[in-house]
Amino acid sequence: MAKADKPALQRHVLLLLEKLGLSRNEAKCYLAALALGSAKMADIAKEAHINRVNAYSSVKCLSERGLVEHEVASDGRRVTAAPLAHLLQLARDFQKDTSKLRWKIEDVIPKLAALIAQRSGVPSLVMGDVLFFRGYDSFFKIAERTLQSPIGSEICFLEAFDYFHPETDHDYDERYYIPKRLARNITARALHVRGDYASKLKTRDANTKRETRFLPSDVEFPCSMYIYADEVGFVWTTEHQVGLVVQGGPLVALMRLLFELLWKMVGEREKQSKKK
C-alpha cells in the first residue's frame, strides 16, 4: 500500500474501532501497538500522540478486552498487540450483542405503539410493513395515501357503510378527494352498502371515472377497505376511529383476490336482477 494511503486507512480503522465501543484514545493505542509490535508505554503514547497517563488507562482497557498483551523484557514491561483473531472475535461478539438488542427493541415496539396510540393528538405509528392509525384523522391519512397511487392506476373501495364520512369534513370527497383523484387520472371501482349517499355517488360514475356496484343487503363488513398501489387500508370505528395499512406481501394480494371475487359476484347478481 502506498504511503499516501496510510493516513486514510488509519482514519477508517479508527472509526471502525470506535463503532466497536473503543474510545478514540483506546483505538489510537491499539493501532500504535499494531504498528510498533513489542513496545514500551512511552513509545505507545508517542506513536498514538497522547500523553502517557491517558496511554496507561487506554492500554489497561485494551488489555481487559483482550486486544493487547503484556510481557516482561530485560528492559522493562512491554505491550504487544494480541493476534488479530481477538479483534475479529470482539467484532463478532459486538454484532451478536447488537442483534440481541435490536430484537429486544423490536419486541417492545408493539407495546410502545399501544402506549402512544392512547395519547390524543398522536394517532399514528409506523411499524415496518404495517401502519397503525388511531384518532380523528385516521380516515384522512389513509385516503391521502390512496391519492399517492401511480398516475393512471386504479383504487378499489369496499365501503362497509353508506359512506365513511370524515367527521370533521363532510364535503371532503366532493371538495378535495374526487378532484385530486381525477387530476392524477386514477380510476376507481367501488363496492358500497346501498344508501342515499352511495346512490348519489353512483349517478356521477361516468363523470368521475368510477364504477359503483352495490353489495347485497345481507352482506355486512366490519370495516371499510381500500386497495391501491401495493397497499391495502382498513378503517373502522369503535370508541375511536381506527385505521390499518398493510404494505405489500401476500395479505395485499389476498385482499385484491377477495375484492375481485366479490366484484364479480355482485356484477352477476346485478345482471340477473335486470333480467327479471
C-alpha atoms as a PDB file:
ATOM      1  CA  MET A   1       0.000   0.000   0.000  1.00  0.00           C
ATOM      2  CA  ALA A   2       1.305   3.458  -0.883  1.00  0.00           C
ATOM      3  CA  LYS A   3       2.385   5.698   1.965  1.00  0.00           C
ATOM      4  CA  ALA A   4      -0.232   8.253   0.946  1.00  0.00           C
ATOM      5  CA  ASP A   5      -2.916   5.657   1.727  1.00  0.00           C
ATOM      6  CA  LYS A   6      -1.760   5.036   5.296  1.00  0.00           C
ATOM      7  CA  PRO A   7      -3.399   8.097   6.942  1.00  0.00           C
ATOM      8  CA  ALA A   8      -6.692   7.322   5.184  1.00  0.00           C
ATOM      9  CA  LEU A   9      -6.521   3.707   6.335  1.00  0.00           C
ATOM     10  CA  GLN A  10      -5.788   4.772   9.908  1.00  0.00           C
ATOM     11  CA  ARG A  11      -8.763   7.149   9.927  1.00  0.00           C
ATOM     12  CA  HIS A  12     -11.014   4.415   8.570  1.00  0.00           C
ATOM     13  CA  VAL A  13      -9.827   1.858  11.129  1.00  0.00           C
ATOM     14  CA  LEU A  14     -10.182   4.377  13.960  1.00  0.00           C
ATOM     15  CA  LEU A  15     -13.822   4.910  13.023  1.00  0.00           C
ATOM     16  CA  LEU A  16     -14.451   1.147  12.902  1.00  0.00           C
ATOM     17  CA  LEU A  17     -12.798   0.608  16.268  1.00  0.00           C
ATOM     18  CA  GLU A  18     -14.885   3.370  17.813  1.00  0.00           C
ATOM     19  CA  LYS A  19     -18.023   1.699  16.437  1.00  0.00           C
ATOM     20  CA  LEU A  20     -16.937  -1.429  18.306  1.00  0.00           C
ATOM     21  CA  GLY A  21     -17.052   0.582  21.516  1.00  0.00           C
ATOM     22  CA  LEU A  22     -13.420   1.680  21.871  1.00  0.00           C
ATOM     23  CA  SER A  23     -12.693   5.240  22.868  1.00  0.00           C
ATOM     24  CA  ARG A  24     -10.623   7.371  20.491  1.00  0.00           C
ATOM     25  CA  ASN A  25      -7.532   7.050  22.734  1.00  0.00           C
ATOM     26  CA  GLU A  26      -8.001   3.281  23.050  1.00  0.00           C
ATOM     27  CA  ALA A  27      -8.246   2.970  19.274  1.00  0.00           C
ATOM     28  CA  LYS A  28      -5.097   5.069  18.835  1.00  0.00           C
ATOM     29  CA  CYS A  29      -3.168   2.965  21.323  1.00  0.00           C
ATOM     30  CA  TYR A  30      -4.318  -0.249  19.672  1.00  0.00           C
ATOM     31  CA  LEU A  31      -3.121   0.960  16.265  1.00  0.00           C
ATOM     32  CA  ALA A  32       0.148   2.060  17.866  1.00  0.00           C
ATOM     33  CA  ALA A  33       0.655  -1.416  19.367  1.00  0.00           C
ATOM     34  CA  LEU A  34      -0.032  -2.983  15.963  1.00  0.00           C
ATOM     35  CA  ALA A  35       2.448  -0.662  14.277  1.00  0.00           C
ATOM     36  CA  LEU A  36       5.233  -0.991  16.847  1.00  0.00           C
ATOM     37  CA  GLY A  37       4.990  -4.646  17.752  1.00  0.00           C
ATOM     38  CA  SER A  38       6.510  -5.040  21.234  1.00  0.00           C
ATOM     39  CA  ALA A  39       6.821  -1.529  22.717  1.00  0.00           C
ATOM     40  CA  LYS A  40       7.220   0.361  25.974  1.00  0.00           C
ATOM     41  CA  MET A  41       4.345   2.511  27.238  1.00  0.00           C
ATOM     42  CA  ALA A  42       6.289   5.673  26.434  1.00  0.00           C
ATOM     43  CA  ASP A  43       6.612   4.579  22.818  1.00  0.00           C
ATOM     44  CA  ILE A  44       2.907   3.666  22.636  1.00  0.00           C
ATOM     45  CA  ALA A  45       1.986   7.125  23.934  1.00  0.00           C
ATOM     46  CA  LYS A  46       4.314   8.819  21.457  1.00  0.00           C
ATOM     47  CA  GLU A  47       3.039   6.802  18.481  1.00  0.00           C
ATOM     48  CA  ALA A  48      -0.579   7.447  19.487  1.00  0.00           C
ATOM     49  CA  HIS A  49       0.077  11.179  20.009  1.00  0.00           C
ATOM     50  CA  ILE A  50      -1.430  11.196  23.523  1.00  0.00           C
ATOM     51  CA  ASN A  51       0.087  11.763  26.946  1.00  0.00           C
ATOM     52  CA  ARG A  52       1.419   8.853  28.966  1.00  0.00           C
ATOM     53  CA  VAL A  53      -1.325   8.987  31.642  1.00  0.00           C
ATOM     54  CA  ASN A  54      -4.052   8.557  29.015  1.00  0.00           C
ATOM     55  CA  ALA A  55      -2.000   5.863  27.316  1.00  0.00           C
ATOM     56  CA  TYR A  56      -1.786   3.835  30.549  1.00  0.00           C
ATOM     57  CA  SER A  57      -5.551   3.934  31.153  1.00  0.00           C
ATOM     58  CA  SER A  58      -6.298   3.163  27.490  1.00  0.00           C
ATOM     59  CA  VAL A  59      -3.923   0.192  27.372  1.00  0.00           C
ATOM     60  CA  LYS A  60      -5.486  -1.139  30.584  1.00  0.00           C
ATOM     61  CA  CYS A  61      -8.926  -1.100  28.909  1.00  0.00           C
ATOM     62  CA  LEU A  62      -7.494  -2.745  25.795  1.00  0.00           C
ATOM     63  CA  SER A  63      -5.979  -5.450  27.953  1.00  0.00           C
ATOM     64  CA  GLU A  64      -9.346  -6.117  29.606  1.00  0.00           C
ATOM     65  CA  ARG A  65     -10.865  -6.522  26.131  1.00  0.00           C
ATOM     66  CA  GLY A  66      -8.110  -8.965  25.178  1.00  0.00           C
ATOM     67  CA  LEU A  67      -6.746  -6.727  22.413  1.00  0.00           C
ATOM     68  CA  VAL A  68      -3.263  -6.227  23.895  1.00  0.00           C
ATOM     69  CA  GLU A  69      -0.944  -8.366  25.970  1.00  0.00           C
ATOM     70  CA  HIS A  70       1.836  -7.505  28.417  1.00  0.00           C
ATOM     71  CA  GLU A  71       5.267  -9.059  28.565  1.00  0.00           C
ATOM     72  CA  VAL A  72       8.268  -8.526  30.782  1.00  0.00           C
ATOM     73  CA  ALA A  73      11.522  -7.926  28.908  1.00  0.00           C
ATOM     74  CA  SER A  74      15.047  -7.225  30.102  1.00  0.00           C
ATOM     75  CA  ASP A  75      14.489  -3.513  29.586  1.00  0.00           C
ATOM     76  CA  GLY A  76      11.146  -3.404  31.373  1.00  0.00           C
ATOM     77  CA  ARG A  77       7.467  -4.064  30.759  1.00  0.00           C
ATOM     78  CA  ARG A  78       6.285  -4.022  27.169  1.00  0.00           C
ATOM     79  CA  VAL A  79       2.925  -4.026  25.380  1.00  0.00           C
ATOM     80  CA  THR A  80       2.131  -6.212  22.387  1.00  0.00           C
ATOM     81  CA  ALA A  81      -0.993  -6.282  20.245  1.00  0.00           C
ATOM     82  CA  ALA A  82      -2.890  -9.557  20.624  1.00  0.00           C
ATOM     83  CA  PRO A  83      -3.432 -11.687  17.485  1.00  0.00           C
ATOM     84  CA  LEU A  84      -5.920 -10.161  15.061  1.00  0.00           C
ATOM     85  CA  ALA A  85      -8.240 -13.089  15.745  1.00  0.00           C
ATOM     86  CA  HIS A  86      -9.014 -11.399  19.076  1.00  0.00           C
ATOM     87  CA  LEU A  87     -10.208  -8.280  17.250  1.00  0.00           C
ATOM     88  CA  LEU A  88     -12.346 -10.391  14.944  1.00  0.00           C
ATOM     89  CA  GLN A  89     -13.906 -12.148  17.920  1.00  0.00           C
ATOM     90  CA  LEU A  90     -14.610  -8.802  19.567  1.00  0.00           C
ATOM     91  CA  ALA A  91     -16.398  -7.681  16.395  1.00  0.00           C
ATOM     92  CA  ARG A  92     -18.450 -10.880  16.296  1.00  0.00           C
ATOM     93  CA  ASP A  93     -19.423 -10.565  19.957  1.00  0.00           C
ATOM     94  CA  PHE A  94     -20.369  -6.941  19.390  1.00  0.00           C
ATOM     95  CA  GLN A  95     -22.516  -7.941  16.410  1.00  0.00           C
ATOM     96  CA  LYS A  96     -24.293 -10.608  18.461  1.00  0.00           C
ATOM     97  CA  ASP A  97     -24.961  -8.163  21.289  1.00  0.00           C
ATOM     98  CA  THR A  98     -26.250  -5.573  18.832  1.00  0.00           C
ATOM     99  CA  SER A  99     -28.520  -8.140  17.172  1.00  0.00           C
ATOM    100  CA  LYS A 100     -29.927  -9.175  20.557  1.00  0.00           C
ATOM    101  CA  LEU A 101     -30.555  -5.544  21.411  1.00  0.00           C
ATOM    102  CA  ARG A 102     -32.308  -4.996  18.062  1.00  0.00           C
ATOM    103  CA  TRP A 103     -34.644  -7.916  18.664  1.00  0.00           C
ATOM    104  CA  LYS A 104     -35.366  -6.762  22.195  1.00  0.00           C
ATOM    105  CA  ILE A 105     -36.274  -3.331  20.839  1.00  0.00           C
ATOM    106  CA  GLU A 106     -38.475  -4.880  18.135  1.00  0.00           C
ATOM    107  CA  ASP A 107     -40.251  -6.950  20.792  1.00  0.00           C
ATOM    108  CA  VAL A 108     -41.143  -3.859  22.765  1.00  0.00           C
ATOM    109  CA  ILE A 109     -42.259  -1.753  19.758  1.00  0.00           C
ATOM    110  CA  PRO A 110     -45.890  -3.056  19.775  1.00  0.00           C
ATOM    111  CA  LYS A 111     -46.182  -2.183  23.474  1.00  0.00           C
ATOM    112  CA  LEU A 112     -44.842   1.290  22.794  1.00  0.00           C
ATOM    113  CA  ALA A 113     -47.262   1.594  19.867  1.00  0.00           C
ATOM    114  CA  ALA A 114     -50.193   0.785  22.138  1.00  0.00           C
ATOM    115  CA  LEU A 115     -48.944   3.313  24.659  1.00  0.00           C
ATOM    116  CA  ILE A 116     -48.606   6.043  22.034  1.00  0.00           C
ATOM    117  CA  ALA A 117     -51.991   5.196  20.500  1.00  0.00           C
ATOM    118  CA  GLN A 118     -53.632   6.013  23.831  1.00  0.00           C
ATOM    119  CA  ARG A 119     -52.411   9.577  23.617  1.00  0.00           C
ATOM    120  CA  SER A 120     -54.801  12.004  21.988  1.00  0.00           C
ATOM    121  CA  GLY A 121     -53.290  14.027  19.181  1.00  0.00           C
ATOM    122  CA  VAL A 122     -50.801  11.295  18.251  1.00  0.00           C
ATOM    123  CA  PRO A 123     -52.903   8.983  16.078  1.00  0.00           C
ATOM    124  CA  SER A 124     -50.356   7.055  14.115  1.00  0.00           C
ATOM    125  CA  LEU A 125     -47.210   4.982  14.264  1.00  0.00           C
ATOM    126  CA  VAL A 126     -45.242   3.316  11.520  1.00  0.00           C
ATOM    127  CA  MET A 127     -44.081  -0.238  12.247  1.00  0.00           C
ATOM    128  CA  GLY A 128     -42.221  -1.849   9.394  1.00  0.00           C
ATOM    129  CA  ASP A 129     -44.734  -3.145   6.830  1.00  0.00           C
ATOM    130  CA  VAL A 130     -47.774  -2.146   8.894  1.00  0.00           C
ATOM    131  CA  LEU A 131     -49.069   1.337   9.690  1.00  0.00           C
ATOM    132  CA  PHE A 132     -51.495   1.802  12.556  1.00  0.00           C
ATOM    133  CA  PHE A 133     -53.705   4.887  12.916  1.00  0.00           C
ATOM    134  CA  ARG A 134     -55.958   5.866  15.740  1.00  0.00           C
ATOM    135  CA  GLY A 135     -57.787   9.162  16.089  1.00  0.00           C
ATOM    136  CA  TYR A 136     -59.887  11.666  14.197  1.00  0.00           C
ATOM    137  CA  ASP A 137     -57.532  11.799  11.191  1.00  0.00           C
ATOM    138  CA  SER A 138     -57.246   8.036  10.528  1.00  0.00           C
ATOM    139  CA  PHE A 139     -59.546   8.263   7.506  1.00  0.00           C
ATOM    140  CA  PHE A 140     -57.723  11.294   6.101  1.00  0.00           C
ATOM    141  CA  LYS A 141     -54.308   9.679   6.436  1.00  0.00           C
ATOM    142  CA  ILE A 142     -55.333   6.532   4.583  1.00  0.00           C
ATOM    143  CA  ALA A 143     -57.317   8.473   1.964  1.00  0.00           C
ATOM    144  CA  GLU A 144     -54.271  10.630   1.302  1.00  0.00           C
ATOM    145  CA  ARG A 145     -52.142   7.521   0.814  1.00  0.00           C
ATOM    146  CA  THR A 146     -54.564   6.283  -1.850  1.00  0.00           C
ATOM    147  CA  LEU A 147     -54.051   9.550  -3.726  1.00  0.00           C
ATOM    148  CA  GLN A 148     -50.313   8.848  -3.877  1.00  0.00           C
ATOM    149  CA  SER A 149     -51.020   5.863  -6.143  1.00  0.00           C
ATOM    150  CA  PRO A 150     -49.243   5.992  -9.517  1.00  0.00           C
ATOM    151  CA  ILE A 151     -50.813   8.261 -12.115  1.00  0.00           C
ATOM    152  CA  GLY A 152     -53.268   6.307 -14.250  1.00  0.00           C
ATOM    153  CA  SER A 153     -53.662   3.487 -11.716  1.00  0.00           C
ATOM    154  CA  GLU A 154     -56.817   2.189 -10.026  1.00  0.00           C
ATOM    155  CA  ILE A 155     -58.213   2.279  -6.496  1.00  0.00           C
ATOM    156  CA  CYS A 156     -60.687  -0.321  -5.249  1.00  0.00           C
ATOM    157  CA  PHE A 157     -63.079   0.644  -2.453  1.00  0.00           C
ATOM    158  CA  LEU A 158     -65.213  -1.567  -0.265  1.00  0.00           C
ATOM    159  CA  GLU A 159     -67.384   0.701   1.869  1.00  0.00           C
ATOM    160  CA  ALA A 160     -68.926  -1.031   4.855  1.00  0.00           C
ATOM    161  CA  PHE A 161     -71.271   1.908   5.482  1.00  0.00           C
ATOM    162  CA  ASP A 162     -73.438   4.119   3.313  1.00  0.00           C
ATOM    163  CA  TYR A 163     -70.319   6.251   3.175  1.00  0.00           C
ATOM    164  CA  PHE A 164     -67.439   6.764   5.575  1.00  0.00           C
ATOM    165  CA  HIS A 165     -67.874  10.497   6.111  1.00  0.00           C
ATOM    166  CA  PRO A 166     -64.873  12.159   7.741  1.00  0.00           C
ATOM    167  CA  GLU A 167     -66.315  13.537  10.946  1.00  0.00           C
ATOM    168  CA  THR A 168     -64.564  16.874  10.601  1.00  0.00           C
ATOM    169  CA  ASP A 169     -65.091  17.496   6.861  1.00  0.00           C
ATOM    170  CA  HIS A 170     -68.345  16.266   5.332  1.00  0.00           C
ATOM    171  CA  ASP A 171     -67.518  17.862   1.957  1.00  0.00           C
ATOM    172  CA  TYR A 172     -64.089  16.246   1.791  1.00  0.00           C
ATOM    173  CA  ASP A 173     -64.991  13.857  -1.037  1.00  0.00           C
ATOM    174  CA  GLU A 174     -66.571  16.395  -3.390  1.00  0.00           C
ATOM    175  CA  ARG A 175     -64.313  19.299  -2.467  1.00  0.00           C
ATOM    176  CA  TYR A 176     -60.947  17.556  -2.370  1.00  0.00           C
ATOM    177  CA  TYR A 177     -60.710  13.808  -2.833  1.00  0.00           C
ATOM    178  CA  ILE A 178     -62.510  13.284  -6.157  1.00  0.00           C
ATOM    179  CA  PRO A 179     -60.904  16.318  -7.900  1.00  0.00           C
ATOM    180  CA  LYS A 180     -57.418  15.242  -6.820  1.00  0.00           C
ATOM    181  CA  ARG A 181     -58.030  11.650  -7.895  1.00  0.00           C
ATOM    182  CA  LEU A 182     -59.220  12.823 -11.298  1.00  0.00           C
ATOM    183  CA  ALA A 183     -56.235  15.169 -11.632  1.00  0.00           C
ATOM    184  CA  ARG A 184     -53.986  12.108 -11.274  1.00  0.00           C
ATOM    185  CA  ASN A 185     -56.132  10.151 -13.750  1.00  0.00           C
ATOM    186  CA  ILE A 186     -56.769   7.471 -11.127  1.00  0.00           C
ATOM    187  CA  THR A 187     -59.856   5.371 -11.801  1.00  0.00           C
ATOM    188  CA  ALA A 188     -61.963   3.719  -9.120  1.00  0.00           C
ATOM    189  CA  ARG A 189     -64.158   0.713  -8.561  1.00  0.00           C
ATOM    190  CA  ALA A 190     -66.387   0.809  -5.521  1.00  0.00           C
ATOM    191  CA  LEU A 191     -68.470  -1.764  -3.688  1.00  0.00           C
ATOM    192  CA  HIS A 192     -70.946   0.078  -1.476  1.00  0.00           C
ATOM    193  CA  VAL A 193     -73.631  -0.710   1.008  1.00  0.00           C
ATOM    194  CA  ARG A 194     -76.734   0.748  -0.664  1.00  0.00           C
ATOM    195  CA  GLY A 195     -77.726   4.070   0.834  1.00  0.00           C
ATOM    196  CA  ASP A 196     -78.628   7.641  -0.061  1.00  0.00           C
ATOM    197  CA  TYR A 197     -75.094   8.954  -0.368  1.00  0.00           C
ATOM    198  CA  ALA A 198     -73.782   5.903  -2.200  1.00  0.00           C
ATOM    199  CA  SER A 199     -76.694   6.116  -4.639  1.00  0.00           C
ATOM    200  CA  LYS A 200     -75.843   9.757  -5.267  1.00  0.00           C
ATOM    201  CA  LEU A 201     -72.231   8.829  -5.976  1.00  0.00           C
ATOM    202  CA  LYS A 202     -73.296   6.187  -8.476  1.00  0.00           C
ATOM    203  CA  THR A 203     -75.203   8.748 -10.577  1.00  0.00           C
ATOM    204  CA  ARG A 204     -71.875  10.539 -11.154  1.00  0.00           C
ATOM    205  CA  ASP A 205     -69.826   7.453 -12.048  1.00  0.00           C
ATOM    206  CA  ALA A 206     -69.363   8.406 -15.704  1.00  0.00           C
ATOM    207  CA  ASN A 207     -68.083  11.884 -14.823  1.00  0.00           C
ATOM    208  CA  THR A 208     -65.734  10.744 -12.052  1.00  0.00           C
ATOM    209  CA  LYS A 209     -64.002   7.734 -13.677  1.00  0.00           C
ATOM    210  CA  ARG A 210     -65.637   5.389 -11.222  1.00  0.00           C
ATOM    211  CA  GLU A 211     -67.794   2.283 -11.396  1.00  0.00           C
ATOM    212  CA  THR A 212     -70.019   1.612  -8.418  1.00  0.00           C
ATOM    213  CA  ARG A 213     -71.753  -1.634  -7.512  1.00  0.00           C
ATOM    214  CA  PHE A 214     -73.977  -2.234  -4.516  1.00  0.00           C
ATOM    215  CA  LEU A 215     -73.387  -5.004  -2.024  1.00  0.00           C
ATOM    216  CA  PRO A 216     -76.289  -7.335  -1.227  1.00  0.00           C
ATOM    217  CA  SER A 217     -78.292  -6.146   1.754  1.00  0.00           C
ATOM    218  CA  ASP A 218     -77.436  -9.337   3.639  1.00  0.00           C
ATOM    219  CA  VAL A 219     -73.680  -8.744   3.334  1.00  0.00           C
ATOM    220  CA  GLU A 220     -72.115  -6.934   6.270  1.00  0.00           C
ATOM    221  CA  PHE A 221     -68.496  -5.936   6.719  1.00  0.00           C
ATOM    222  CA  PRO A 222     -66.980  -4.717   9.991  1.00  0.00           C
ATOM    223  CA  CYS A 223     -64.760  -2.165   8.267  1.00  0.00           C
ATOM    224  CA  SER A 224     -64.145  -0.306   5.038  1.00  0.00           C
ATOM    225  CA  MET A 225     -61.277  -1.407   2.802  1.00  0.00           C
ATOM    226  CA  TYR A 226     -59.193   0.488   0.257  1.00  0.00           C
ATOM    227  CA  ILE A 227     -56.859  -1.314  -2.151  1.00  0.00           C
ATOM    228  CA  TYR A 228     -54.359   0.849  -4.023  1.00  0.00           C
ATOM    229  CA  ALA A 229     -50.820   0.651  -5.383  1.00  0.00           C
ATOM    230  CA  ASP A 230     -49.141  -2.080  -3.295  1.00  0.00           C
ATOM    231  CA  GLU A 231     -51.118  -1.413  -0.115  1.00  0.00           C
ATOM    232  CA  VAL A 232     -54.463  -2.197   1.456  1.00  0.00           C
ATOM    233  CA  GLY A 233     -56.026   0.073   4.054  1.00  0.00           C
ATOM    234  CA  PHE A 234     -58.794  -0.603   6.567  1.00  0.00           C
ATOM    235  CA  VAL A 235     -60.893   1.915   8.505  1.00  0.00           C
ATOM    236  CA  TRP A 236     -63.404   1.159  11.246  1.00  0.00           C
ATOM    237  CA  THR A 237     -64.917   2.811  14.289  1.00  0.00           C
ATOM    238  CA  THR A 238     -65.118   1.594  17.861  1.00  0.00           C
ATOM    239  CA  GLU A 239     -64.824   4.251  20.548  1.00  0.00           C
ATOM    240  CA  HIS A 240     -62.348   5.920  18.218  1.00  0.00           C
ATOM    241  CA  GLN A 241     -61.734   5.946  14.514  1.00  0.00           C
ATOM    242  CA  VAL A 242     -59.095   3.324  13.742  1.00  0.00           C
ATOM    243  CA  GLY A 243     -57.091   2.604  10.595  1.00  0.00           C
ATOM    244  CA  LEU A 244     -54.609  -0.022   9.489  1.00  0.00           C
ATOM    245  CA  VAL A 245     -52.448  -0.151   6.355  1.00  0.00           C
ATOM    246  CA  VAL A 246     -50.635  -3.282   5.173  1.00  0.00           C
ATOM    247  CA  GLN A 247     -47.767  -2.634   2.766  1.00  0.00           C
ATOM    248  CA  GLY A 248     -47.057  -5.323   0.185  1.00  0.00           C
ATOM    249  CA  GLY A 249     -46.893  -9.069   0.637  1.00  0.00           C
ATOM    250  CA  PRO A 250     -49.464 -11.861   0.470  1.00  0.00           C
ATOM    251  CA  LEU A 251     -52.130 -10.041   2.529  1.00  0.00           C
ATOM    252  CA  VAL A 252     -52.439  -7.330  -0.126  1.00  0.00           C
ATOM    253  CA  ALA A 253     -52.632  -9.972  -2.868  1.00  0.00           C
ATOM    254  CA  LEU A 254     -55.285 -11.851  -0.871  1.00  0.00           C
ATOM    255  CA  MET A 255     -57.423  -8.740  -0.385  1.00  0.00           C
ATOM    256  CA  ARG A 256     -57.225  -7.989  -4.107  1.00  0.00           C
ATOM    257  CA  LEU A 257     -58.352 -11.520  -4.899  1.00  0.00           C
ATOM    258  CA  LEU A 258     -61.264 -11.309  -2.464  1.00  0.00           C
ATOM    259  CA  PHE A 259     -62.309  -7.939  -3.878  1.00  0.00           C
ATOM    260  CA  GLU A 260     -62.269  -9.301  -7.427  1.00  0.00           C
ATOM    261  CA  LEU A 261     -64.349 -12.324  -6.424  1.00  0.00           C
ATOM    262  CA  LEU A 262     -66.870 -10.111  -4.650  1.00  0.00           C
ATOM    263  CA  TRP A 263     -66.900  -7.643  -7.548  1.00  0.00           C
ATOM    264  CA  LYS A 264     -67.673 -10.449  -9.981  1.00  0.00           C
ATOM    265  CA  MET A 265     -70.365 -11.926  -7.726  1.00  0.00           C
ATOM    266  CA  VAL A 266     -72.123  -8.579  -7.301  1.00  0.00           C
ATOM    267  CA  GLY A 267     -71.916  -7.934 -11.042  1.00  0.00           C
ATOM    268  CA  GLU A 268     -73.578 -11.265 -11.831  1.00  0.00           C
ATOM    269  CA  ARG A 269     -76.318 -10.537  -9.301  1.00  0.00           C
ATOM    270  CA  GLU A 270     -76.989  -7.169 -10.900  1.00  0.00           C
ATOM    271  CA  LYS A 271     -77.252  -8.790 -14.347  1.00  0.00           C
ATOM    272  CA  GLN A 272     -79.704 -11.387 -13.058  1.00  0.00           C
ATOM    273  CA  SER A 273     -81.724  -8.679 -11.336  1.00  0.00           C
ATOM    274  CA  LYS A 274     -82.045  -6.693 -14.592  1.00  0.00           C
ATOM    275  CA  LYS A 275     -83.304  -9.766 -16.475  1.00  0.00           C
ATOM    276  CA  LYS A 276     -86.205 -10.243 -14.051  1.00  0.00           C
END
